[in-house]
N, C-alpha and C. Protein backbone atom coordinates (compact mmCIF):
# COMPACT_ATOMS: atom_id res chain seq x y z
N UNK A 1 23.77 91.99 118.38
CA UNK A 1 23.23 92.06 117.05
C UNK A 1 22.75 93.46 116.72
N UNK A 2 22.00 94.04 117.64
CA UNK A 2 21.43 95.35 117.33
C UNK A 2 22.49 96.43 117.32
N UNK A 3 23.44 96.38 118.25
CA UNK A 3 24.45 97.45 118.30
C UNK A 3 25.50 97.29 117.20
N UNK A 4 25.88 96.06 116.87
CA UNK A 4 26.91 95.84 115.86
C UNK A 4 26.38 95.85 114.43
N UNK A 5 25.16 95.35 114.25
CA UNK A 5 24.66 95.16 112.89
C UNK A 5 23.34 95.86 112.62
N UNK A 6 22.77 96.51 113.62
CA UNK A 6 21.51 97.21 113.43
C UNK A 6 20.32 96.29 113.18
N UNK A 7 20.42 95.05 113.66
CA UNK A 7 19.34 94.08 113.47
C UNK A 7 18.62 93.87 114.79
N UNK A 8 17.32 94.07 114.77
CA UNK A 8 16.52 93.85 115.97
C UNK A 8 16.30 92.36 116.17
N UNK A 9 16.24 91.96 117.44
CA UNK A 9 15.95 90.57 117.76
C UNK A 9 14.49 90.30 117.47
N UNK A 10 14.24 89.32 116.63
CA UNK A 10 12.86 88.96 116.29
C UNK A 10 12.51 87.60 116.86
N UNK A 11 11.27 87.21 116.65
CA UNK A 11 10.82 85.91 117.17
C UNK A 11 11.63 84.77 116.59
N UNK A 12 12.01 84.88 115.33
CA UNK A 12 12.80 83.80 114.72
C UNK A 12 14.15 83.63 115.40
N UNK A 13 14.76 84.73 115.86
CA UNK A 13 16.03 84.64 116.58
C UNK A 13 15.85 83.93 117.92
N UNK A 14 14.77 84.29 118.61
CA UNK A 14 14.49 83.63 119.89
C UNK A 14 14.16 82.16 119.68
N UNK A 15 13.42 81.85 118.62
CA UNK A 15 13.08 80.45 118.34
C UNK A 15 14.36 79.64 118.10
N UNK A 16 15.33 80.22 117.41
CA UNK A 16 16.61 79.54 117.19
C UNK A 16 17.32 79.26 118.51
N UNK A 17 17.33 80.23 119.40
CA UNK A 17 17.98 80.04 120.69
C UNK A 17 17.24 79.01 121.55
N UNK A 18 15.91 79.06 121.53
CA UNK A 18 15.12 78.08 122.26
C UNK A 18 15.41 76.68 121.71
N UNK A 19 15.52 76.59 120.39
CA UNK A 19 15.82 75.32 119.76
C UNK A 19 17.20 74.80 120.18
N UNK A 20 18.19 75.67 120.15
CA UNK A 20 19.55 75.27 120.55
C UNK A 20 19.60 74.81 122.00
N UNK A 21 19.00 75.59 122.88
CA UNK A 21 18.98 75.22 124.29
C UNK A 21 18.20 73.92 124.49
N UNK A 22 17.04 73.84 123.86
CA UNK A 22 16.19 72.66 124.03
C UNK A 22 16.83 71.40 123.51
N UNK A 23 17.42 71.45 122.34
CA UNK A 23 18.08 70.26 121.79
C UNK A 23 19.26 69.83 122.64
N UNK A 24 19.86 70.81 123.30
CA UNK A 24 20.98 70.51 124.20
C UNK A 24 20.53 70.00 125.56
N UNK A 25 19.22 69.85 125.74
CA UNK A 25 18.70 69.34 127.00
C UNK A 25 18.50 70.38 128.07
N UNK A 26 18.69 71.64 127.71
CA UNK A 26 18.53 72.74 128.67
C UNK A 26 17.11 73.29 128.58
N UNK A 27 16.14 72.42 128.87
CA UNK A 27 14.73 72.77 128.73
C UNK A 27 14.35 73.92 129.66
N UNK A 28 14.80 73.86 130.90
CA UNK A 28 14.48 74.92 131.86
C UNK A 28 14.97 76.27 131.36
N UNK A 29 16.20 76.30 130.85
CA UNK A 29 16.78 77.54 130.34
C UNK A 29 16.02 78.03 129.09
N UNK A 30 15.60 77.08 128.25
CA UNK A 30 14.84 77.44 127.05
C UNK A 30 13.50 78.06 127.44
N UNK A 31 12.85 77.50 128.46
CA UNK A 31 11.57 78.06 128.90
C UNK A 31 11.79 79.43 129.56
N UNK A 32 12.85 79.56 130.33
CA UNK A 32 13.15 80.86 130.96
C UNK A 32 13.39 81.93 129.90
N UNK A 33 14.13 81.58 128.84
CA UNK A 33 14.37 82.54 127.76
C UNK A 33 13.05 82.92 127.10
N UNK A 34 12.19 81.95 126.89
CA UNK A 34 10.89 82.21 126.27
C UNK A 34 10.07 83.19 127.12
N UNK A 35 10.07 82.96 128.41
CA UNK A 35 9.29 83.83 129.30
C UNK A 35 9.92 85.20 129.49
N UNK A 36 11.23 85.32 129.23
CA UNK A 36 11.93 86.60 129.40
C UNK A 36 11.99 87.43 128.12
N UNK A 37 11.40 86.94 127.05
CA UNK A 37 11.44 87.69 125.79
C UNK A 37 10.83 89.08 125.99
N UNK A 38 11.36 90.09 125.29
CA UNK A 38 10.84 91.45 125.47
C UNK A 38 9.48 91.67 124.80
N UNK A 39 8.95 90.65 124.16
CA UNK A 39 7.62 90.71 123.57
C UNK A 39 6.96 89.37 123.80
N UNK A 40 5.66 89.32 123.57
CA UNK A 40 4.90 88.09 123.82
C UNK A 40 5.33 87.00 122.83
N UNK A 41 5.77 85.84 123.33
CA UNK A 41 6.18 84.77 122.42
C UNK A 41 5.01 84.29 121.56
N UNK A 42 5.31 84.04 120.31
CA UNK A 42 4.29 83.53 119.40
C UNK A 42 4.31 82.02 119.34
N UNK A 43 3.48 81.50 118.47
CA UNK A 43 3.34 80.05 118.35
C UNK A 43 4.66 79.38 117.95
N UNK A 44 5.45 80.02 117.11
CA UNK A 44 6.72 79.44 116.67
C UNK A 44 7.61 79.10 117.86
N UNK A 45 7.75 80.02 118.79
CA UNK A 45 8.62 79.79 119.96
C UNK A 45 8.04 78.71 120.85
N UNK A 46 6.72 78.76 121.10
CA UNK A 46 6.11 77.75 121.98
C UNK A 46 6.19 76.36 121.36
N UNK A 47 5.98 76.26 120.06
CA UNK A 47 6.07 74.95 119.41
C UNK A 47 7.51 74.46 119.35
N UNK A 48 8.45 75.36 119.24
CA UNK A 48 9.86 74.98 119.28
C UNK A 48 10.20 74.40 120.65
N UNK A 49 9.72 75.05 121.70
CA UNK A 49 9.94 74.54 123.06
C UNK A 49 9.24 73.20 123.23
N UNK A 50 8.04 73.07 122.71
CA UNK A 50 7.30 71.81 122.79
C UNK A 50 8.06 70.69 122.09
N UNK A 51 8.63 70.99 120.94
CA UNK A 51 9.43 69.99 120.21
C UNK A 51 10.63 69.53 121.02
N UNK A 52 11.29 70.45 121.70
CA UNK A 52 12.43 70.10 122.55
C UNK A 52 11.98 69.23 123.72
N UNK A 53 10.81 69.55 124.27
CA UNK A 53 10.27 68.75 125.38
C UNK A 53 9.95 67.35 124.91
N UNK A 54 9.45 67.23 123.69
CA UNK A 54 9.17 65.91 123.12
C UNK A 54 10.47 65.12 123.00
N UNK A 55 11.49 65.76 122.51
CA UNK A 55 12.79 65.11 122.32
C UNK A 55 13.35 64.56 123.63
N UNK A 56 13.16 65.31 124.70
CA UNK A 56 13.75 64.93 125.99
C UNK A 56 12.74 64.37 126.99
N UNK A 57 11.47 64.25 126.58
CA UNK A 57 10.47 63.64 127.45
C UNK A 57 10.07 64.47 128.66
N UNK A 58 10.16 65.79 128.54
CA UNK A 58 9.78 66.68 129.65
C UNK A 58 8.30 67.03 129.51
N UNK A 59 7.46 66.18 130.10
CA UNK A 59 6.02 66.31 129.93
C UNK A 59 5.45 67.57 130.58
N UNK A 60 5.95 67.96 131.75
CA UNK A 60 5.39 69.13 132.45
C UNK A 60 5.62 70.40 131.63
N UNK A 61 6.86 70.62 131.21
CA UNK A 61 7.14 71.81 130.41
C UNK A 61 6.45 71.72 129.06
N UNK A 62 6.40 70.53 128.50
CA UNK A 62 5.73 70.34 127.21
C UNK A 62 4.26 70.69 127.26
N UNK A 63 3.59 70.28 128.35
CA UNK A 63 2.18 70.62 128.49
C UNK A 63 1.96 72.13 128.62
N UNK A 64 2.88 72.79 129.34
CA UNK A 64 2.77 74.26 129.46
C UNK A 64 2.97 74.93 128.10
N UNK A 65 3.98 74.47 127.36
CA UNK A 65 4.26 75.04 126.04
C UNK A 65 3.08 74.80 125.10
N UNK A 66 2.51 73.59 125.15
CA UNK A 66 1.36 73.27 124.29
C UNK A 66 0.16 74.15 124.65
N UNK A 67 -0.05 74.37 125.93
CA UNK A 67 -1.17 75.21 126.35
C UNK A 67 -1.03 76.63 125.79
N UNK A 68 0.19 77.17 125.86
CA UNK A 68 0.41 78.52 125.30
C UNK A 68 0.18 78.52 123.79
N UNK A 69 0.71 77.51 123.10
CA UNK A 69 0.57 77.45 121.64
C UNK A 69 -0.90 77.30 121.24
N UNK A 70 -1.62 76.43 121.93
CA UNK A 70 -3.04 76.23 121.62
C UNK A 70 -3.84 77.48 121.91
N UNK A 71 -3.51 78.20 122.98
CA UNK A 71 -4.21 79.45 123.28
C UNK A 71 -4.02 80.50 122.19
N UNK A 72 -2.89 80.42 121.49
CA UNK A 72 -2.64 81.37 120.40
C UNK A 72 -3.44 81.02 119.14
N UNK A 73 -3.65 79.71 118.92
CA UNK A 73 -4.42 79.27 117.75
C UNK A 73 -5.00 77.89 118.05
N UNK A 74 -6.24 77.86 118.45
CA UNK A 74 -6.90 76.63 118.88
C UNK A 74 -7.14 75.65 117.72
N UNK A 75 -7.08 76.11 116.50
CA UNK A 75 -7.36 75.26 115.34
C UNK A 75 -6.08 74.76 114.64
N UNK A 76 -4.92 75.18 115.10
CA UNK A 76 -3.67 74.77 114.46
C UNK A 76 -3.29 73.38 114.94
N UNK A 77 -3.26 72.39 114.05
CA UNK A 77 -3.06 71.00 114.49
C UNK A 77 -1.66 70.67 114.99
N UNK A 78 -0.66 71.43 114.61
CA UNK A 78 0.72 71.07 114.96
C UNK A 78 0.95 70.96 116.46
N UNK A 79 0.39 71.86 117.23
CA UNK A 79 0.58 71.83 118.68
C UNK A 79 0.01 70.55 119.27
N UNK A 80 -1.17 70.17 118.80
CA UNK A 80 -1.81 68.95 119.29
C UNK A 80 -0.98 67.72 118.90
N UNK A 81 -0.50 67.70 117.66
CA UNK A 81 0.25 66.55 117.17
C UNK A 81 1.58 66.41 117.92
N UNK A 82 2.27 67.52 118.15
CA UNK A 82 3.52 67.46 118.91
C UNK A 82 3.29 66.91 120.31
N UNK A 83 2.24 67.39 120.98
CA UNK A 83 1.95 66.91 122.33
C UNK A 83 1.53 65.44 122.29
N UNK A 84 0.72 65.06 121.33
CA UNK A 84 0.31 63.67 121.18
C UNK A 84 1.51 62.76 120.96
N UNK A 85 2.43 63.19 120.11
CA UNK A 85 3.64 62.40 119.86
C UNK A 85 4.49 62.27 121.12
N UNK A 86 4.53 63.32 121.93
CA UNK A 86 5.27 63.25 123.18
C UNK A 86 4.62 62.23 124.12
N UNK A 87 3.30 62.28 124.23
CA UNK A 87 2.58 61.31 125.05
C UNK A 87 2.86 59.89 124.56
N UNK A 88 2.80 59.68 123.24
CA UNK A 88 3.03 58.36 122.68
C UNK A 88 4.45 57.88 122.96
N UNK A 89 5.42 58.77 122.84
CA UNK A 89 6.81 58.41 123.12
C UNK A 89 7.04 58.00 124.57
N UNK A 90 6.16 58.47 125.46
CA UNK A 90 6.26 58.12 126.88
C UNK A 90 5.26 57.01 127.25
N UNK A 91 4.67 56.38 126.22
CA UNK A 91 3.67 55.31 126.41
C UNK A 91 2.47 55.77 127.23
N UNK A 92 2.13 57.05 127.13
CA UNK A 92 0.96 57.59 127.81
C UNK A 92 -0.21 57.55 126.82
N UNK A 93 -0.75 56.35 126.60
CA UNK A 93 -1.79 56.16 125.60
C UNK A 93 -3.10 56.80 126.02
N UNK A 94 -3.33 56.92 127.31
CA UNK A 94 -4.52 57.62 127.80
C UNK A 94 -4.45 59.10 127.37
N UNK A 95 -3.28 59.71 127.53
CA UNK A 95 -3.08 61.10 127.10
C UNK A 95 -3.27 61.27 125.61
N UNK A 96 -2.76 60.30 124.83
CA UNK A 96 -2.92 60.35 123.37
C UNK A 96 -4.40 60.30 123.01
N UNK A 97 -5.13 59.37 123.64
CA UNK A 97 -6.55 59.24 123.37
C UNK A 97 -7.34 60.48 123.74
N UNK A 98 -7.02 61.04 124.91
CA UNK A 98 -7.71 62.27 125.34
C UNK A 98 -7.45 63.42 124.37
N UNK A 99 -6.20 63.52 123.91
CA UNK A 99 -5.84 64.60 122.99
C UNK A 99 -6.53 64.43 121.64
N UNK A 100 -6.59 63.20 121.14
CA UNK A 100 -7.27 62.96 119.86
C UNK A 100 -8.77 63.24 119.99
N UNK A 101 -9.33 62.90 121.12
CA UNK A 101 -10.75 63.20 121.36
C UNK A 101 -10.97 64.71 121.40
N UNK A 102 -10.07 65.43 122.06
CA UNK A 102 -10.16 66.89 122.10
C UNK A 102 -10.08 67.48 120.70
N UNK A 103 -9.17 66.95 119.88
CA UNK A 103 -9.04 67.43 118.51
C UNK A 103 -10.34 67.20 117.74
N UNK A 104 -10.94 66.04 117.95
CA UNK A 104 -12.17 65.72 117.23
C UNK A 104 -13.33 66.61 117.67
N UNK A 105 -13.47 66.79 118.98
CA UNK A 105 -14.57 67.63 119.47
C UNK A 105 -14.35 69.10 119.16
N UNK A 106 -13.10 69.51 118.99
CA UNK A 106 -12.78 70.91 118.66
C UNK A 106 -12.71 71.13 117.16
N UNK A 107 -12.95 70.05 116.39
CA UNK A 107 -12.91 70.11 114.92
C UNK A 107 -11.54 70.55 114.41
N UNK A 108 -10.49 70.05 115.06
CA UNK A 108 -9.12 70.30 114.61
C UNK A 108 -8.71 69.13 113.74
N UNK A 109 -8.32 69.40 112.51
CA UNK A 109 -7.97 68.36 111.56
C UNK A 109 -6.48 68.42 111.23
N UNK A 110 -5.83 67.26 111.35
CA UNK A 110 -4.45 67.15 110.92
C UNK A 110 -4.47 66.78 109.44
N UNK A 111 -3.80 67.57 108.65
CA UNK A 111 -3.73 67.29 107.21
C UNK A 111 -2.70 66.19 107.02
N UNK A 112 -3.08 65.09 106.35
CA UNK A 112 -2.13 64.00 106.16
C UNK A 112 -0.91 64.47 105.37
N UNK A 113 0.23 63.90 105.69
CA UNK A 113 1.45 64.22 104.96
C UNK A 113 1.36 63.70 103.54
N UNK A 114 2.08 64.33 102.66
CA UNK A 114 2.11 63.87 101.27
C UNK A 114 3.51 64.11 100.72
N UNK A 115 3.81 63.45 99.66
CA UNK A 115 5.10 63.61 99.03
C UNK A 115 4.95 63.63 97.52
N UNK A 116 5.99 64.04 96.86
CA UNK A 116 5.96 64.04 95.42
C UNK A 116 7.39 63.94 94.91
N UNK A 117 7.51 63.41 93.71
CA UNK A 117 8.82 63.25 93.07
C UNK A 117 8.78 64.03 91.77
N UNK A 118 9.79 64.83 91.57
CA UNK A 118 9.88 65.63 90.35
C UNK A 118 10.87 64.96 89.41
N UNK A 119 10.43 64.72 88.20
CA UNK A 119 11.30 64.14 87.18
C UNK A 119 12.14 65.27 86.58
N UNK A 120 13.43 65.22 86.81
CA UNK A 120 14.32 66.29 86.36
C UNK A 120 14.88 66.04 84.96
N UNK A 121 14.37 65.02 84.27
CA UNK A 121 14.88 64.76 82.92
C UNK A 121 14.38 65.73 81.93
């Protein structure tokens, strides 16, 4: 990319590759790419890896990814919700409860989803 098009590799490019590897079930390779990045991975990359771990039920890698994401922003609810959803998908209700309690004691609030319909007439 950089030699042919003069485009530097950014976090979004790495997040795309982590996503591709992770969705393909190559969680180990996705984590290795994350750790080998030439700069410190941001929350986007860690949450992308966490999402792939949720998809494939890789709790160990998912917990590591969540820890990195939470360390970058302790108040961002997405990391907690992704990890909680992974626990729930694996019927780990104790983990879900512990995580919700942590969110409550840390004053992390998940904003409820909302929708809207636009009348195009």
